[in-house]
Amino acid sequence: MQCRMCGHTFDESEVEDHGCQGCGKGECNTIHCPNCGFGNTSKFDDEFKFIKSLKEKFSKKSNSSEK
């Protein structure tokens, strides 16, 4: 997993703290980055990949129309 805050790449299976224990949800799926402590949620990874691909497509289109 790559942290969305600091970019640190880590193996989420090796992180001991699954869930923040402080949110009160009980079964929180947040995985905290061992580097910065940011709470990452794996279910959002696919959505962020999709958004990143859209940004890249728009950037390419914008660059080609400027020529």
PDB file of N, CA and C in Angstrom:
ATOM      1  N   MET A   1       0.845  -1.163   0.000  1.00  0.00           N
ATOM      2  CA  MET A   1       0.000   0.000   0.000  1.00  0.00           C
ATOM      3  C   MET A   1       0.895   1.232   0.000  1.00  0.00           C
ATOM      4  N   GLN A   2       0.435   2.282  -0.681  1.00  0.00           N
ATOM      5  CA  GLN A   2       1.163   3.545  -0.671  1.00  0.00           C
ATOM      6  C   GLN A   2       0.323   4.571   0.085  1.00  0.00           C
ATOM      7  N   CYS A   3       0.944   5.247   1.017  1.00  0.00           N
ATOM      8  CA  CYS A   3       0.258   6.254   1.818  1.00  0.00           C
ATOM      9  C   CYS A   3      -0.154   7.423   0.928  1.00  0.00           C
ATOM     10  N   ARG A   4      -1.412   7.815   1.035  1.00  0.00           N
ATOM     11  CA  ARG A   4      -1.905   8.930   0.229  1.00  0.00           C
ATOM     12  C   ARG A   4      -1.415  10.277   0.751  1.00  0.00           C
ATOM     13  N   MET A   5      -0.896  10.312   1.956  1.00  0.00           N
ATOM     14  CA  MET A   5      -0.420  11.576   2.516  1.00  0.00           C
ATOM     15  C   MET A   5       1.054  11.810   2.185  1.00  0.00           C
ATOM     16  N   CYS A   6       1.915  10.846   2.533  1.00  0.00           N
ATOM     17  CA  CYS A   6       3.362  11.071   2.385  1.00  0.00           C
ATOM     18  C   CYS A   6       3.994  10.280   1.240  1.00  0.00           C
ATOM     19  N   GLY A   7       3.260   9.301   0.671  1.00  0.00           N
ATOM     20  CA  GLY A   7       3.784   8.529  -0.444  1.00  0.00           C
ATOM     21  C   GLY A   7       4.616   7.323  -0.042  1.00  0.00           C
ATOM     22  N   HIS A   8       4.789   7.106   1.251  1.00  0.00           N
ATOM     23  CA  HIS A   8       5.566   5.967   1.745  1.00  0.00           C
ATOM     24  C   HIS A   8       4.872   4.666   1.348  1.00  0.00           C
ATOM     25  N   THR A   9       5.644   3.713   0.799  1.00  0.00           N
ATOM     26  CA  THR A   9       5.101   2.419   0.417  1.00  0.00           C
ATOM     27  C   THR A   9       5.399   1.411   1.522  1.00  0.00           C
ATOM     28  N   PHE A  10       4.366   0.662   1.927  1.00  0.00           N
ATOM     29  CA  PHE A  10       4.526  -0.311   2.990  1.00  0.00           C
ATOM     30  C   PHE A  10       3.592  -1.489   2.768  1.00  0.00           C
ATOM     31  N   ASP A  11       3.911  -2.590   3.413  1.00  0.00           N
ATOM     32  CA  ASP A  11       3.095  -3.795   3.325  1.00  0.00           C
ATOM     33  C   ASP A  11       2.024  -3.710   4.406  1.00  0.00           C
ATOM     34  N   GLU A  12       0.781  -3.590   3.984  1.00  0.00           N
ATOM     35  CA  GLU A  12      -0.302  -3.404   4.954  1.00  0.00           C
ATOM     36  C   GLU A  12      -0.510  -4.612   5.855  1.00  0.00           C
ATOM     37  N   SER A  13      -0.058  -5.786   5.422  1.00  0.00           N
ATOM     38  CA  SER A  13      -0.206  -6.973   6.263  1.00  0.00           C
ATOM     39  C   SER A  13       0.784  -6.972   7.434  1.00  0.00           C
ATOM     40  N   GLU A  14       1.842  -6.161   7.343  1.00  0.00           N
ATOM     41  CA  GLU A  14       2.834  -6.087   8.413  1.00  0.00           C
ATOM     42  C   GLU A  14       2.534  -4.994   9.435  1.00  0.00           C
ATOM     43  N   VAL A  15       1.529  -4.167   9.162  1.00  0.00           N
ATOM     44  CA  VAL A  15       1.163  -3.098  10.084  1.00  0.00           C
ATOM     45  C   VAL A  15       0.272  -3.679  11.172  1.00  0.00           C
ATOM     46  N   GLU A  16       0.647  -3.426  12.415  1.00  0.00           N
ATOM     47  CA  GLU A  16      -0.098  -3.988  13.546  1.00  0.00           C
ATOM     48  C   GLU A  16      -1.413  -3.267  13.796  1.00  0.00           C
ATOM     49  N   ASP A  17      -1.448  -1.965  13.605  1.00  0.00           N
ATOM     50  CA  ASP A  17      -2.640  -1.184  13.933  1.00  0.00           C
ATOM     51  C   ASP A  17      -3.606  -1.115  12.757  1.00  0.00           C
ATOM     52  N   HIS A  18      -4.523  -2.051  12.711  1.00  0.00           N
ATOM     53  CA  HIS A  18      -5.607  -1.997  11.736  1.00  0.00           C
ATOM     54  C   HIS A  18      -6.793  -1.384  12.456  1.00  0.00           C
ATOM     55  N   GLY A  19      -7.116  -0.188  12.106  1.00  0.00           N
ATOM     56  CA  GLY A  19      -8.155   0.550  12.810  1.00  0.00           C
ATOM     57  C   GLY A  19      -7.525   1.492  13.808  1.00  0.00           C
ATOM     58  N   CYS A  20      -8.127   2.632  13.941  1.00  0.00           N
ATOM     59  CA  CYS A  20      -7.500   3.658  14.776  1.00  0.00           C
ATOM     60  C   CYS A  20      -7.839   3.519  16.252  1.00  0.00           C
ATOM     61  N   GLN A  21      -8.786   2.732  16.582  1.00  0.00           N
ATOM     62  CA  GLN A  21      -9.190   2.504  17.967  1.00  0.00           C
ATOM     63  C   GLN A  21      -9.780   3.745  18.619  1.00  0.00           C
ATOM     64  N   GLY A  22      -9.738   4.880  17.969  1.00  0.00           N
ATOM     65  CA  GLY A  22     -10.234   6.102  18.575  1.00  0.00           C
ATOM     66  C   GLY A  22     -11.453   6.677  17.889  1.00  0.00           C
ATOM     67  N   CYS A  23     -11.877   6.061  16.808  1.00  0.00           N
ATOM     68  CA  CYS A  23     -12.992   6.637  16.059  1.00  0.00           C
ATOM     69  C   CYS A  23     -14.346   6.177  16.580  1.00  0.00           C
ATOM     70  N   GLY A  24     -14.382   5.099  17.320  1.00  0.00           N
ATOM     71  CA  GLY A  24     -15.635   4.614  17.869  1.00  0.00           C
ATOM     72  C   GLY A  24     -16.446   3.743  16.938  1.00  0.00           C
ATOM     73  N   LYS A  25     -15.921   3.444  15.743  1.00  0.00           N
ATOM     74  CA  LYS A  25     -16.650   2.615  14.793  1.00  0.00           C
ATOM     75  C   LYS A  25     -16.618   1.140  15.165  1.00  0.00           C
ATOM     76  N   GLY A  26     -15.671   0.730  15.930  1.00  0.00           N
ATOM     77  CA  GLY A  26     -15.573  -0.672  16.326  1.00  0.00           C
ATOM     78  C   GLY A  26     -14.779  -1.494  15.342  1.00  0.00           C
ATOM     79  N   GLU A  27     -15.253  -1.643  14.121  1.00  0.00           N
ATOM     80  CA  GLU A  27     -14.548  -2.428  13.102  1.00  0.00           C
ATOM     81  C   GLU A  27     -14.059  -1.514  11.992  1.00  0.00           C
ATOM     82  N   CYS A  28     -13.172  -0.646  12.340  1.00  0.00           N
ATOM     83  CA  CYS A  28     -12.601   0.316  11.401  1.00  0.00           C
ATOM     84  C   CYS A  28     -11.568  -0.388  10.518  1.00  0.00           C
ATOM     85  N   ASN A  29     -11.561  -0.111   9.226  1.00  0.00           N
ATOM     86  CA  ASN A  29     -10.610  -0.731   8.300  1.00  0.00           C
ATOM     87  C   ASN A  29      -9.458   0.196   7.947  1.00  0.00           C
ATOM     88  N   THR A  30      -9.274   1.231   8.724  1.00  0.00           N
ATOM     89  CA  THR A  30      -8.204   2.181   8.459  1.00  0.00           C
ATOM     90  C   THR A  30      -6.858   1.565   8.818  1.00  0.00           C
ATOM     91  N   ILE A  31      -5.892   1.757   7.926  1.00  0.00           N
ATOM     92  CA  ILE A  31      -4.536   1.262   8.141  1.00  0.00           C
ATOM     93  C   ILE A  31      -3.633   2.476   8.211  1.00  0.00           C
ATOM     94  N   HIS A  32      -2.985   2.654   9.346  1.00  0.00           N
ATOM     95  CA  HIS A  32      -2.156   3.839   9.554  1.00  0.00           C
ATOM     96  C   HIS A  32      -0.747   3.630   9.011  1.00  0.00           C
ATOM     97  N   CYS A  33      -0.279   4.631   8.286  1.00  0.00           N
ATOM     98  CA  CYS A  33       1.055   4.610   7.701  1.00  0.00           C
ATOM     99  C   CYS A  33       2.101   4.576   8.817  1.00  0.00           C
ATOM    100  N   PRO A  34       3.055   3.645   8.753  1.00  0.00           N
ATOM    101  CA  PRO A  34       4.098   3.594   9.779  1.00  0.00           C
ATOM    102  C   PRO A  34       5.058   4.780   9.710  1.00  0.00           C
ATOM    103  N   ASN A  35       5.039   5.520   8.598  1.00  0.00           N
ATOM    104  CA  ASN A  35       5.932   6.660   8.429  1.00  0.00           C
ATOM    105  C   ASN A  35       5.344   7.952   9.006  1.00  0.00           C
ATOM    106  N   CYS A  36       4.082   8.250   8.655  1.00  0.00           N
ATOM    107  CA  CYS A  36       3.500   9.527   9.076  1.00  0.00           C
ATOM    108  C   CYS A  36       2.264   9.388   9.960  1.00  0.00           C
ATOM    109  N   GLY A  37       1.684   8.173  10.028  1.00  0.00           N
ATOM    110  CA  GLY A  37       0.520   7.953  10.877  1.00  0.00           C
ATOM    111  C   GLY A  37      -0.814   8.247  10.219  1.00  0.00           C
ATOM    112  N   PHE A  38      -0.805   8.655   8.946  1.00  0.00           N
ATOM    113  CA  PHE A  38      -2.056   8.961   8.255  1.00  0.00           C
ATOM    114  C   PHE A  38      -2.910   7.707   8.113  1.00  0.00           C
ATOM    115  N   GLY A  39      -4.197   7.830   8.308  1.00  0.00           N
ATOM    116  CA  GLY A  39      -5.118   6.699   8.204  1.00  0.00           C
ATOM    117  C   GLY A  39      -5.549   6.462   6.773  1.00  0.00           C
ATOM    118  N   ASN A  40      -5.036   5.412   6.155  1.00  0.00           N
ATOM    119  CA  ASN A  40      -5.376   5.038   4.784  1.00  0.00           C
ATOM    120  C   ASN A  40      -6.446   3.952   4.807  1.00  0.00           C
ATOM    121  N   THR A  41      -7.355   4.006   3.869  1.00  0.00           N
ATOM    122  CA  THR A  41      -8.384   2.991   3.750  1.00  0.00           C
ATOM    123  C   THR A  41      -8.214   2.311   2.410  1.00  0.00           C
ATOM    124  N   SER A  42      -8.048   1.003   2.412  1.00  0.00           N
ATOM    125  CA  SER A  42      -7.773   0.267   1.184  1.00  0.00           C
ATOM    126  C   SER A  42      -8.938   0.300   0.208  1.00  0.00           C
ATOM    127  N   LYS A  43     -10.157   0.503   0.678  1.00  0.00           N
ATOM    128  CA  LYS A  43     -11.300   0.499  -0.243  1.00  0.00           C
ATOM    129  C   LYS A  43     -11.283   1.700  -1.176  1.00  0.00           C
ATOM    130  N   PHE A  44     -10.530   2.745  -0.828  1.00  0.00           N
ATOM    131  CA  PHE A  44     -10.455   3.914  -1.690  1.00  0.00           C
ATOM    132  C   PHE A  44      -9.354   3.819  -2.742  1.00  0.00           C
ATOM    133  N   ASP A  45      -8.510   2.795  -2.686  1.00  0.00           N
ATOM    134  CA  ASP A  45      -7.399   2.679  -3.628  1.00  0.00           C
ATOM    135  C   ASP A  45      -7.871   2.657  -5.077  1.00  0.00           C
ATOM    136  N   ASP A  46      -8.911   1.875  -5.374  1.00  0.00           N
ATOM    137  CA  ASP A  46      -9.419   1.794  -6.746  1.00  0.00           C
ATOM    138  C   ASP A  46      -9.963   3.136  -7.210  1.00  0.00           C
ATOM    139  N   GLU A  47     -10.646   3.851  -6.324  1.00  0.00           N
ATOM    140  CA  GLU A  47     -11.184   5.152  -6.694  1.00  0.00           C
ATOM    141  C   GLU A  47     -10.067   6.145  -6.975  1.00  0.00           C
ATOM    142  N   PHE A  48      -9.009   6.124  -6.178  1.00  0.00           N
ATOM    143  CA  PHE A  48      -7.894   7.036  -6.416  1.00  0.00           C
ATOM    144  C   PHE A  48      -7.159   6.695  -7.705  1.00  0.00           C
ATOM    145  N   LYS A  49      -7.033   5.410  -8.032  1.00  0.00           N
ATOM    146  CA  LYS A  49      -6.405   5.015  -9.295  1.00  0.00           C
ATOM    147  C   LYS A  49      -7.223   5.541 -10.468  1.00  0.00           C
ATOM    148  N   PHE A  50      -8.556   5.454 -10.365  1.00  0.00           N
ATOM    149  CA  PHE A  50      -9.435   5.944 -11.423  1.00  0.00           C
ATOM    150  C   PHE A  50      -9.290   7.457 -11.586  1.00  0.00           C
ATOM    151  N   ILE A  51      -9.286   8.182 -10.480  1.00  0.00           N
ATOM    152  CA  ILE A  51      -9.150   9.642 -10.535  1.00  0.00           C
ATOM    153  C   ILE A  51      -7.799  10.033 -11.115  1.00  0.00           C
ATOM    154  N   LYS A  52      -6.745   9.311 -10.729  1.00  0.00           N
ATOM    155  CA  LYS A  52      -5.408   9.596 -11.255  1.00  0.00           C
ATOM    156  C   LYS A  52      -5.363   9.366 -12.767  1.00  0.00           C
ATOM    157  N   SER A  53      -6.006   8.292 -13.245  1.00  0.00           N
ATOM    158  CA  SER A  53      -6.007   8.019 -14.685  1.00  0.00           C
ATOM    159  C   SER A  53      -6.783   9.097 -15.439  1.00  0.00           C
ATOM    160  N   LEU A  54      -7.869   9.601 -14.851  1.00  0.00           N
ATOM    161  CA  LEU A  54      -8.616  10.689 -15.488  1.00  0.00           C
ATOM    162  C   LEU A  54      -7.771  11.952 -15.572  1.00  0.00           C
ATOM    163  N   LYS A  55      -7.053  12.268 -14.493  1.00  0.00           N
ATOM    164  CA  LYS A  55      -6.205  13.453 -14.496  1.00  0.00           C
ATOM    165  C   LYS A  55      -5.127  13.341 -15.575  1.00  0.00           C
ATOM    166  N   GLU A  56      -4.552  12.145 -15.729  1.00  0.00           N
ATOM    167  CA  GLU A  56      -3.525  11.947 -16.746  1.00  0.00           C
ATOM    168  C   GLU A  56      -4.099  12.116 -18.144  1.00  0.00           C
ATOM    169  N   LYS A  57      -5.307  11.592 -18.381  1.00  0.00           N
ATOM    170  CA  LYS A  57      -5.945  11.725 -19.699  1.00  0.00           C
ATOM    171  C   LYS A  57      -6.228  13.184 -20.018  1.00  0.00           C
ATOM    172  N   PHE A  58      -6.754  13.930 -19.046  1.00  0.00           N
ATOM    173  CA  PHE A  58      -7.035  15.345 -19.278  1.00  0.00           C
ATOM    174  C   PHE A  58      -5.745  16.131 -19.506  1.00  0.00           C
ATOM    175  N   SER A  59      -4.692  15.759 -18.790  1.00  0.00           N
ATOM    176  CA  SER A  59      -3.422  16.441 -18.952  1.00  0.00           C
ATOM    177  C   SER A  59      -2.854  16.197 -20.361  1.00  0.00           C
ATOM    178  N   LYS A  60      -2.923  14.954 -20.829  1.00  0.00           N
ATOM    179  CA  LYS A  60      -2.442  14.640 -22.179  1.00  0.00           C
ATOM    180  C   LYS A  60      -3.251  15.388 -23.240  1.00  0.00           C
ATOM    181  N   LYS A  61      -4.573  15.428 -23.045  1.00  0.00           N
ATOM    182  CA  LYS A  61      -5.446  16.108 -24.005  1.00  0.00           C
ATOM    183  C   LYS A  61      -5.142  17.604 -24.023  1.00  0.00           C
ATOM    184  N   SER A  62      -4.933  18.179 -22.860  1.00  0.00           N
ATOM    185  CA  SER A  62      -4.634  19.590 -22.744  1.00  0.00           C
ATOM    186  C   SER A  62      -3.299  19.915 -23.414  1.00  0.00           C
ATOM    187  N   ASN A  63      -2.300  19.068 -23.213  1.00  0.00           N
ATOM    188  CA  ASN A  63      -0.981  19.289 -23.802  1.00  0.00           C
ATOM    189  C   ASN A  63      -1.013  19.156 -25.318  1.00  0.00           C
ATOM    190  N   SER A  64      -1.806  18.218 -25.847  1.00  0.00           N
ATOM    191  CA  SER A  64      -1.871  18.027 -27.293  1.00  0.00           C
ATOM    192  C   SER A  64      -2.640  19.135 -27.973  1.00  0.00           C
ATOM    193  N   SER A  65      -3.608  19.739 -27.290  1.00  0.00           N
ATOM    194  CA  SER A  65      -4.384  20.829 -27.892  1.00  0.00           C
ATOM    195  C   SER A  65      -3.624  22.146 -27.881  1.00  0.00           C
ATOM    196  N   GLU A  66      -2.588  22.258 -27.055  1.00  0.00           N
ATOM    197  CA  GLU A  66      -1.790  23.481 -26.986  1.00  0.00           C
ATOM    198  C   GLU A  66      -0.787  23.583 -28.125  1.00  0.00           C
ATOM    199  N   LYS A  67      -0.525  22.478 -28.807  1.00  0.00           N
ATOM    200  CA  LYS A  67       0.475  22.484 -29.885  1.00  0.00           C
ATOM    201  C   LYS A  67      -0.051  23.075 -31.162  1.00  0.00           C
TER     202      LYS A  67
END
